[in-house]
Amino acid sequence: MGAAFLLCWSAEAAEVDLPQGLSVAILALIAVLPEYAVDMYFAWTAGKDPSYTAYAAANMTGANRLLIGLGWASVLLAYSLRGYGRAIKLDRGVSPELVTLGASSVYACLLVWKSALSWVDFLLFSALFGAYAWRTASAEVHAPELEGPARSLGLLPPRWRRAAVAGLFLYSAAAICLAAKPFAEGLLATGKQMKIDEFLLVQWLAPIASEAPEFIVAILFALKGKGDVGMRVLLASKVNQWTLLVGMLPAAYGLSAGSLAPLPLDPRQAGELLLTAAQSIFALAVLINLRFSLKEALVLTVLFVTQPFFTSLHARHVYSVVYLAGTVVCLWPRGAREAARDAVRVALDFRSRS
């Protein structure tokens, strides 16, 4: 909780020196450190103890679905309750997130067919993240409107401001990483003691705790009328986790095992990955017009909160079909031509450096 507040203030102050997209991307990268730390622990341990293999995939897919299924709706709800509107409009600067989300989601479907995560996937996902980071770094710097502790940081002389922002980022990252191992092992021990499926605990309970920092940061932005920034924080977190985090799993597994062997995915894990990719594709269709409404938030939330009650592999496939059908329904009213035009516009915005 404390790290989340520090991240929020330092990210806002960082906008004085950095493009907003890049400062938000840095914020998202550090805010998802709980997820990285826990997942890297599971993947590294799996290289020596195969029984941990399932937990790495479970934690990654659960966290990715939580961001979209609950996170986006939380931001819009906070934004609406403060009377700012019933929908959040995003600017065209969000195109790097949307393009990267689309590319990584399509590629994730191939991973289901391969039933493994390899070093090739690590290189490809790292390249996607690199392209995303480069594009956000090339945007213009706009003077932000700061208030509270962020304003105090922003008013410091440039050298002291940059040192303070960097120090807060590093301090928050260290605080978040300290809890990774005891949290992961404590969770598994609790599941065994209470006779609860550890896979479900790792997939559903662990992400709620590890994703708390960026949820708090995004909601704080929404409460201050910056719903678009709050959404972009969660979008950047999603891109981070759906590219760099997924790619780092086989790297951590291989380094621990001392080989180039891929991280295997059994049918249950492959089904979870397919469901996560389908949800991401549906989410992309929702945001392709750069607008997120309460109706769309309700659909995403209902589809997400019902999943823990239907955990069979067949149910996962049914949910995947529902998400993909929802993608068609979402795009159909605008017509193929308009939907294609939206997609082309987003792609061109990604290429543009202006």
Protein backbone atom coordinates (compact mmCIF):
# COMPACT_ATOMS: atom_id res chain seq x y z
CA MET A 1 0.00 0.00 0.00
CA GLY A 2 2.77 2.43 0.93
CA ALA A 3 4.76 1.52 -2.19
CA ALA A 4 1.69 2.16 -4.34
CA PHE A 5 1.29 5.72 -3.06
CA LEU A 6 5.00 6.42 -3.53
CA LEU A 7 4.77 5.06 -7.09
CA CYS A 8 1.78 7.26 -7.88
CA TRP A 9 3.46 10.46 -6.70
CA SER A 10 6.82 9.73 -8.32
CA ALA A 11 5.23 8.71 -11.65
CA GLU A 12 3.29 11.98 -11.81
CA ALA A 13 6.43 13.97 -10.96
CA ALA A 14 8.36 12.03 -13.61
CA GLU A 15 6.07 13.49 -16.27
CA VAL A 16 7.94 16.79 -15.87
CA ASP A 17 11.00 15.20 -17.49
CA LEU A 18 9.54 12.29 -19.46
CA PRO A 19 6.74 11.72 -21.98
CA GLN A 20 3.57 10.72 -20.11
CA GLY A 21 3.47 7.38 -21.92
CA LEU A 22 7.02 6.52 -20.85
CA SER A 23 6.50 7.57 -17.23
CA VAL A 24 3.30 5.50 -17.11
CA ALA A 25 5.16 2.55 -18.66
CA ILE A 26 7.89 2.81 -16.02
CA LEU A 27 5.23 3.08 -13.31
CA ALA A 28 3.46 0.00 -14.66
CA LEU A 29 6.72 -1.96 -14.86
CA ILE A 30 7.54 -1.28 -11.20
CA ALA A 31 3.94 -1.64 -10.04
CA VAL A 32 3.75 -5.17 -11.44
CA LEU A 33 6.94 -6.17 -9.64
CA PRO A 34 4.95 -8.19 -7.08
CA GLU A 35 3.65 -10.27 -9.97
CA TYR A 36 7.10 -10.58 -11.57
CA ALA A 37 8.71 -11.51 -8.27
CA VAL A 38 6.17 -14.21 -7.42
CA ASP A 39 6.05 -15.64 -10.95
CA MET A 40 9.84 -15.65 -11.35
CA TYR A 41 10.10 -17.50 -8.04
CA PHE A 42 7.68 -20.17 -9.25
CA ALA A 43 9.41 -20.50 -12.65
CA TRP A 44 12.90 -20.64 -11.13
CA THR A 45 11.84 -23.26 -8.57
CA ALA A 46 10.13 -25.27 -11.33
CA GLY A 47 13.53 -25.69 -13.00
CA LYS A 48 14.58 -27.75 -9.99
CA ASP A 49 11.19 -29.07 -8.83
CA PRO A 50 8.74 -29.89 -11.69
CA SER A 51 5.78 -29.74 -9.28
CA TYR A 52 6.06 -25.93 -9.37
CA THR A 53 5.64 -25.73 -13.17
CA ALA A 54 1.87 -25.37 -13.04
CA TYR A 55 2.05 -22.53 -10.51
CA ALA A 56 4.07 -20.27 -12.83
CA ALA A 57 1.47 -20.49 -15.59
CA ALA A 58 -1.42 -20.22 -13.12
CA ASN A 59 -0.13 -17.03 -11.54
CA MET A 60 0.63 -15.42 -14.91
CA THR A 61 -2.76 -16.15 -16.50
CA GLY A 62 -4.71 -15.20 -13.38
CA ALA A 63 -2.92 -11.87 -13.08
CA ASN A 64 -3.44 -11.01 -16.75
CA ARG A 65 -7.16 -11.74 -16.60
CA LEU A 66 -7.56 -9.84 -13.33
CA LEU A 67 -6.19 -6.63 -14.84
CA ILE A 68 -8.85 -6.57 -17.57
CA GLY A 69 -11.70 -8.35 -15.82
CA LEU A 70 -11.66 -6.32 -12.62
CA GLY A 71 -9.09 -3.56 -13.00
CA TRP A 72 -10.64 -1.68 -15.91
CA ALA A 73 -14.08 -1.71 -14.30
CA SER A 74 -12.64 -0.46 -10.98
CA VAL A 75 -11.08 2.55 -12.71
CA LEU A 76 -14.30 3.41 -14.56
CA LEU A 77 -16.39 2.95 -11.38
CA ALA A 78 -14.13 5.31 -9.40
CA TYR A 79 -14.22 7.80 -12.27
CA SER A 80 -18.03 7.65 -12.50
CA LEU A 81 -18.68 7.87 -8.75
CA ARG A 82 -16.77 11.16 -8.64
CA GLY A 83 -19.12 12.51 -11.33
CA TYR A 84 -16.65 12.71 -14.19
CA GLY A 85 -18.78 10.69 -16.62
CA ARG A 86 -20.10 7.25 -17.49
CA ALA A 87 -17.36 6.48 -20.00
CA ILE A 88 -13.62 7.04 -20.28
CA LYS A 89 -12.26 8.37 -23.54
CA LEU A 90 -8.68 7.52 -24.41
CA ASP A 91 -6.48 9.65 -26.63
CA ARG A 92 -4.68 8.34 -29.70
CA GLY A 93 -1.43 8.17 -27.74
CA VAL A 94 -2.60 4.82 -26.35
CA SER A 95 -1.95 3.12 -29.71
CA PRO A 96 1.39 1.52 -28.61
CA GLU A 97 -0.44 -0.40 -25.88
CA LEU A 98 -3.23 -1.50 -28.22
CA VAL A 99 -0.91 -2.63 -31.03
CA THR A 100 1.35 -4.54 -28.64
CA LEU A 101 -1.65 -6.11 -26.92
CA GLY A 102 -3.04 -7.30 -30.26
CA ALA A 103 0.26 -8.75 -31.50
CA SER A 104 1.03 -10.56 -28.24
CA SER A 105 -2.52 -11.96 -27.96
CA VAL A 106 -2.41 -13.45 -31.46
CA TYR A 107 0.99 -14.99 -30.78
CA ALA A 108 -0.21 -16.40 -27.44
CA CYS A 109 -2.71 -18.51 -29.37
CA LEU A 110 0.25 -20.26 -31.04
CA LEU A 111 1.67 -21.09 -27.62
CA VAL A 112 -1.49 -23.05 -26.89
CA TRP A 113 -0.83 -25.15 -29.96
CA LYS A 114 2.86 -25.65 -28.97
CA SER A 115 1.96 -26.44 -25.32
CA ALA A 116 5.28 -24.98 -24.21
CA LEU A 117 7.16 -21.73 -23.60
CA SER A 118 10.64 -21.71 -25.14
CA TRP A 119 13.64 -19.40 -25.50
CA VAL A 120 12.31 -18.39 -28.92
CA ASP A 121 9.18 -17.10 -27.19
CA PHE A 122 11.39 -15.22 -24.72
CA LEU A 123 13.17 -13.45 -27.61
CA LEU A 124 9.95 -12.63 -29.43
CA PHE A 125 8.08 -11.32 -26.39
CA SER A 126 11.16 -9.31 -25.37
CA ALA A 127 11.27 -7.77 -28.85
CA LEU A 128 7.59 -6.84 -28.61
CA PHE A 129 8.18 -5.18 -25.27
CA GLY A 130 11.26 -3.42 -26.61
CA ALA A 131 9.30 -1.99 -29.56
CA TYR A 132 6.59 -0.83 -27.19
CA ALA A 133 9.08 0.83 -24.82
CA TRP A 134 10.86 2.55 -27.72
CA ARG A 135 7.61 3.92 -29.11
CA THR A 136 6.43 5.32 -25.77
CA ALA A 137 9.84 6.92 -25.20
CA SER A 138 9.62 8.81 -28.51
CA ALA A 139 6.42 10.72 -27.62
CA GLU A 140 6.34 14.42 -26.79
CA VAL A 141 6.80 15.73 -23.26
CA HIS A 142 3.77 17.70 -22.02
CA ALA A 143 3.74 19.86 -18.91
CA PRO A 144 1.63 17.94 -16.33
CA GLU A 145 -0.77 19.42 -13.77
CA LEU A 146 0.65 18.28 -10.44
CA GLU A 147 -0.84 18.48 -6.97
CA GLY A 148 -0.10 17.22 -3.48
CA PRO A 149 3.18 15.34 -2.88
CA ALA A 150 3.72 15.02 -6.65
CA ARG A 151 3.68 18.83 -6.90
CA SER A 152 6.26 19.06 -4.11
CA LEU A 153 8.49 16.68 -6.05
CA GLY A 154 7.88 18.49 -9.33
CA LEU A 155 8.92 21.86 -7.85
CA LEU A 156 12.34 20.58 -6.80
CA PRO A 157 15.39 21.67 -8.85
CA PRO A 158 15.83 19.30 -11.84
CA ARG A 159 18.79 17.40 -10.38
CA TRP A 160 17.13 16.85 -6.99
CA ARG A 161 13.76 16.05 -8.58
CA ARG A 162 15.23 13.32 -10.79
CA ALA A 163 17.20 11.88 -7.90
CA ALA A 164 14.10 11.86 -5.67
CA VAL A 165 11.93 10.23 -8.34
CA ALA A 166 14.55 7.57 -9.08
CA GLY A 167 15.01 6.94 -5.37
CA LEU A 168 11.27 6.50 -4.80
CA PHE A 169 11.00 4.11 -7.73
CA LEU A 170 13.91 2.01 -6.43
CA TYR A 171 12.71 2.08 -2.83
CA SER A 172 9.21 0.98 -3.86
CA ALA A 173 10.63 -1.81 -6.03
CA ALA A 174 12.76 -3.10 -3.16
CA ALA A 175 9.82 -3.04 -0.75
CA ILE A 176 7.68 -5.01 -3.19
CA CYS A 177 10.33 -7.64 -3.95
CA LEU A 178 11.09 -8.45 -0.32
CA ALA A 179 7.82 -10.34 0.15
CA ALA A 180 7.95 -12.58 -2.96
CA LYS A 181 9.36 -15.83 -1.56
CA PRO A 182 7.60 -15.89 1.84
CA PHE A 183 4.34 -14.91 0.16
CA ALA A 184 4.55 -17.65 -2.48
CA GLU A 185 5.56 -20.40 -0.05
CA GLY A 186 3.06 -19.25 2.55
CA LEU A 187 0.28 -19.39 -0.01
CA LEU A 188 1.10 -22.97 -1.00
CA ALA A 189 1.42 -24.05 2.64
CA THR A 190 -1.95 -22.50 3.47
CA GLY A 191 -3.58 -24.35 0.55
CA LYS A 192 -2.20 -27.68 1.73
CA GLN A 193 -3.18 -27.05 5.33
CA MET A 194 -6.76 -26.01 4.45
CA LYS A 195 -7.08 -28.64 1.67
CA ILE A 196 -7.70 -26.00 -1.01
CA ASP A 197 -6.43 -26.55 -4.57
CA GLU A 198 -3.09 -24.71 -4.62
CA PHE A 199 -3.45 -24.06 -8.36
CA LEU A 200 -6.64 -22.05 -7.77
CA LEU A 201 -5.11 -20.18 -4.84
CA VAL A 202 -2.09 -19.22 -6.93
CA GLN A 203 -4.29 -18.21 -9.86
CA TRP A 204 -6.96 -16.23 -8.02
CA LEU A 205 -5.74 -15.15 -4.59
CA ALA A 206 -2.09 -14.41 -5.36
CA PRO A 207 -2.82 -11.92 -8.19
CA ILE A 208 -5.29 -10.00 -6.01
CA ALA A 209 -2.47 -9.33 -3.56
CA SER A 210 0.35 -8.88 -6.06
CA GLU A 211 -1.66 -6.61 -8.39
CA ALA A 212 -2.81 -4.33 -5.55
CA PRO A 213 -0.17 -1.61 -6.18
CA GLU A 214 -1.15 -0.80 -9.76
CA PHE A 215 -4.86 -1.08 -8.91
CA ILE A 216 -4.39 1.55 -6.20
CA VAL A 217 -2.33 3.77 -8.49
CA ALA A 218 -4.87 3.56 -11.33
CA ILE A 219 -7.86 4.23 -9.04
CA LEU A 220 -6.07 7.22 -7.51
CA PHE A 221 -5.68 8.70 -10.97
CA ALA A 222 -9.37 8.05 -11.72
CA LEU A 223 -10.51 9.69 -8.48
CA LYS A 224 -8.63 12.83 -9.53
CA GLY A 225 -10.44 12.92 -12.89
CA LYS A 226 -7.59 11.31 -14.83
CA GLY A 227 -9.51 8.22 -15.89
CA ASP A 228 -7.59 7.98 -19.15
CA VAL A 229 -4.27 7.91 -17.24
CA GLY A 230 -5.63 5.29 -14.85
CA MET A 231 -6.69 3.13 -17.79
CA ARG A 232 -3.30 3.61 -19.40
CA VAL A 233 -1.57 2.48 -16.20
CA LEU A 234 -3.49 -0.82 -16.32
CA LEU A 235 -3.01 -1.11 -20.09
CA ALA A 236 0.74 -0.65 -19.63
CA SER A 237 0.70 -3.23 -16.84
CA LYS A 238 -1.16 -5.64 -19.11
CA VAL A 239 1.37 -5.12 -21.89
CA ASN A 240 4.24 -5.65 -19.43
CA GLN A 241 2.76 -8.89 -18.11
CA TRP A 242 1.56 -10.17 -21.48
CA THR A 243 4.97 -9.69 -23.13
CA LEU A 244 7.95 -9.40 -20.80
CA LEU A 245 6.54 -11.52 -17.96
CA VAL A 246 5.41 -14.34 -20.25
CA GLY A 247 8.75 -14.28 -22.04
CA MET A 248 10.78 -14.35 -18.82
CA LEU A 249 9.11 -17.54 -17.57
CA PRO A 250 11.01 -19.91 -19.93
CA ALA A 251 14.20 -17.90 -19.32
CA ALA A 252 13.97 -18.30 -15.55
CA TYR A 253 13.00 -21.96 -15.93
CA GLY A 254 15.88 -22.72 -18.32
CA LEU A 255 18.52 -20.89 -16.27
CA SER A 256 17.43 -22.73 -13.15
CA ALA A 257 17.38 -26.09 -14.92
CA GLY A 258 20.72 -25.40 -16.60
CA SER A 259 19.41 -26.17 -20.08
CA LEU A 260 17.50 -24.75 -23.04
CA ALA A 261 14.52 -26.98 -22.31
CA PRO A 262 11.16 -25.22 -22.77
CA LEU A 263 8.71 -24.70 -19.93
CA PRO A 264 6.02 -27.35 -20.56
CA LEU A 265 2.30 -26.54 -20.48
CA ASP A 266 -0.12 -29.37 -19.68
CA PRO A 267 -3.70 -29.29 -21.08
CA ARG A 268 -5.01 -27.39 -18.06
CA GLN A 269 -2.35 -24.68 -18.36
CA ALA A 270 -2.81 -24.48 -22.14
CA GLY A 271 -6.55 -24.00 -21.60
CA GLU A 272 -5.86 -21.16 -19.15
CA LEU A 273 -3.52 -19.53 -21.67
CA LEU A 274 -6.13 -19.80 -24.43
CA LEU A 275 -8.75 -18.19 -22.19
CA THR A 276 -6.37 -15.34 -21.32
CA ALA A 277 -5.59 -14.73 -25.00
CA ALA A 278 -9.30 -14.75 -25.90
CA GLN A 279 -10.08 -12.23 -23.15
CA SER A 280 -7.25 -9.99 -24.39
CA ILE A 281 -8.57 -10.08 -27.97
CA PHE A 282 -12.06 -9.16 -26.74
CA ALA A 283 -10.61 -6.32 -24.63
CA LEU A 284 -8.79 -4.99 -27.69
CA ALA A 285 -12.04 -4.98 -29.66
CA VAL A 286 -13.71 -3.05 -26.83
CA LEU A 287 -11.05 -0.31 -26.87
CA ILE A 288 -10.47 -0.10 -30.62
CA ASN A 289 -12.77 2.95 -30.75
CA LEU A 290 -10.81 4.56 -27.85
CA ARG A 291 -13.83 4.58 -25.54
CA PHE A 292 -14.67 2.41 -22.50
CA SER A 293 -18.26 2.47 -21.22
CA LEU A 294 -20.07 1.12 -18.16
CA LYS A 295 -21.87 -1.48 -20.28
CA GLU A 296 -18.57 -2.83 -21.57
CA ALA A 297 -17.14 -2.78 -18.04
CA LEU A 298 -20.12 -4.80 -16.77
CA VAL A 299 -19.64 -7.47 -19.46
CA LEU A 300 -15.93 -7.83 -18.69
CA THR A 301 -16.59 -8.03 -14.95
CA VAL A 302 -19.38 -10.61 -15.17
CA LEU A 303 -17.34 -12.85 -17.47
CA PHE A 304 -14.40 -12.63 -15.08
CA VAL A 305 -16.04 -13.06 -11.65
CA THR A 306 -17.97 -16.17 -12.75
CA GLN A 307 -14.83 -18.05 -13.85
CA PRO A 308 -13.78 -19.32 -10.38
CA PHE A 309 -17.06 -21.26 -10.17
CA PHE A 310 -16.43 -23.19 -13.42
CA THR A 311 -12.86 -24.45 -13.39
CA SER A 312 -12.97 -27.49 -15.70
CA LEU A 313 -11.03 -27.51 -18.97
CA HIS A 314 -14.32 -27.66 -20.88
CA ALA A 315 -15.53 -24.52 -19.08
CA ARG A 316 -12.31 -22.73 -20.02
CA HIS A 317 -12.94 -23.54 -23.68
CA VAL A 318 -16.53 -22.32 -23.40
CA TYR A 319 -15.40 -19.01 -21.90
CA SER A 320 -12.82 -18.65 -24.67
CA VAL A 321 -15.53 -19.10 -27.31
CA VAL A 322 -17.73 -16.55 -25.51
CA TYR A 323 -14.93 -13.98 -25.53
CA LEU A 324 -14.21 -14.53 -29.21
CA ALA A 325 -17.92 -14.38 -30.04
CA GLY A 326 -18.09 -11.16 -28.02
CA THR A 327 -15.30 -9.77 -30.19
CA VAL A 328 -17.42 -10.33 -33.29
CA VAL A 329 -20.51 -8.84 -31.61
CA CYS A 330 -18.49 -5.82 -30.46
CA LEU A 331 -17.11 -5.08 -33.92
CA TRP A 332 -20.18 -6.04 -35.97
CA PRO A 333 -22.37 -2.94 -35.31
CA ARG A 334 -19.65 -0.63 -36.63
CA GLY A 335 -19.28 -2.73 -39.74
CA ALA A 336 -16.20 -4.36 -41.16
CA ARG A 337 -15.08 -1.18 -42.92
CA GLU A 338 -15.23 1.03 -39.83
CA ALA A 339 -13.64 -1.62 -37.60
CA ALA A 340 -10.82 -2.02 -40.12
CA ARG A 341 -10.42 1.75 -40.27
CA ASP A 342 -10.13 1.89 -36.46
CA ALA A 343 -7.48 -0.83 -36.54
CA VAL A 344 -5.52 0.90 -39.30
CA ARG A 345 -5.70 4.22 -37.44
CA VAL A 346 -4.29 2.64 -34.28
CA ALA A 347 -1.51 0.96 -36.28
CA LEU A 348 -0.59 4.20 -38.03
CA ASP A 349 -0.58 6.06 -34.71
CA PHE A 350 1.87 3.45 -33.43
CA ARG A 351 4.23 4.14 -36.34
CA SER A 352 3.96 7.90 -36.08
CA ARG A 353 6.56 9.67 -33.94
CA SER A 354 4.56 12.90 -33.69
